[in-house]
Protein backbone atom coordinates (compact mmCIF):
# COMPACT_ATOMS: atom_id res chain seq x y z
CA MET A 1 -3.00 5.04 -13.48
CA GLN A 2 -5.25 2.76 -15.33
CA SER A 3 -3.18 3.10 -18.67
CA ASP A 4 -0.12 2.29 -16.28
CA LEU A 5 -1.67 -1.09 -15.33
CA ILE A 6 -2.73 -1.98 -19.03
CA ILE A 7 0.77 -1.28 -20.15
CA ILE A 8 2.28 -3.48 -17.05
CA ASN A 9 -0.21 -6.20 -18.15
CA ASP A 10 0.99 -6.11 -21.77
CA PHE A 11 4.71 -5.92 -20.66
CA CYS A 12 4.12 -9.15 -18.45
CA ASP A 13 2.31 -10.96 -21.17
CA ARG A 14 4.93 -10.14 -23.82
CA CYS A 15 7.86 -10.75 -21.72
CA HIS A 16 6.40 -13.39 -19.04
CA VAL A 17 7.40 -11.24 -16.22
CA ASP A 18 5.80 -12.35 -12.86
CA PRO A 19 3.55 -9.31 -11.92
CA SER A 20 4.66 -9.41 -8.38
CA PHE A 21 8.01 -8.69 -9.45
CA ILE A 22 6.76 -5.60 -11.49
CA MET A 23 5.41 -4.59 -8.21
CA GLU A 24 8.28 -4.82 -6.10
CA LEU A 25 10.17 -2.86 -8.59
CA GLU A 26 7.42 -0.03 -8.24
CA GLU A 27 7.86 -0.14 -4.33
CA ASP A 28 11.56 0.53 -5.12
CA GLY A 29 10.44 3.66 -6.65
CA LEU A 30 11.30 2.64 -10.30
């Protein structure tokens, strides 16, 4: 799971996506 957080952080940095938006997607079961 640690690597997933790193990937998400890198994704947010590159795409300027709000981390809370990512969390909402994960809660939806993406």
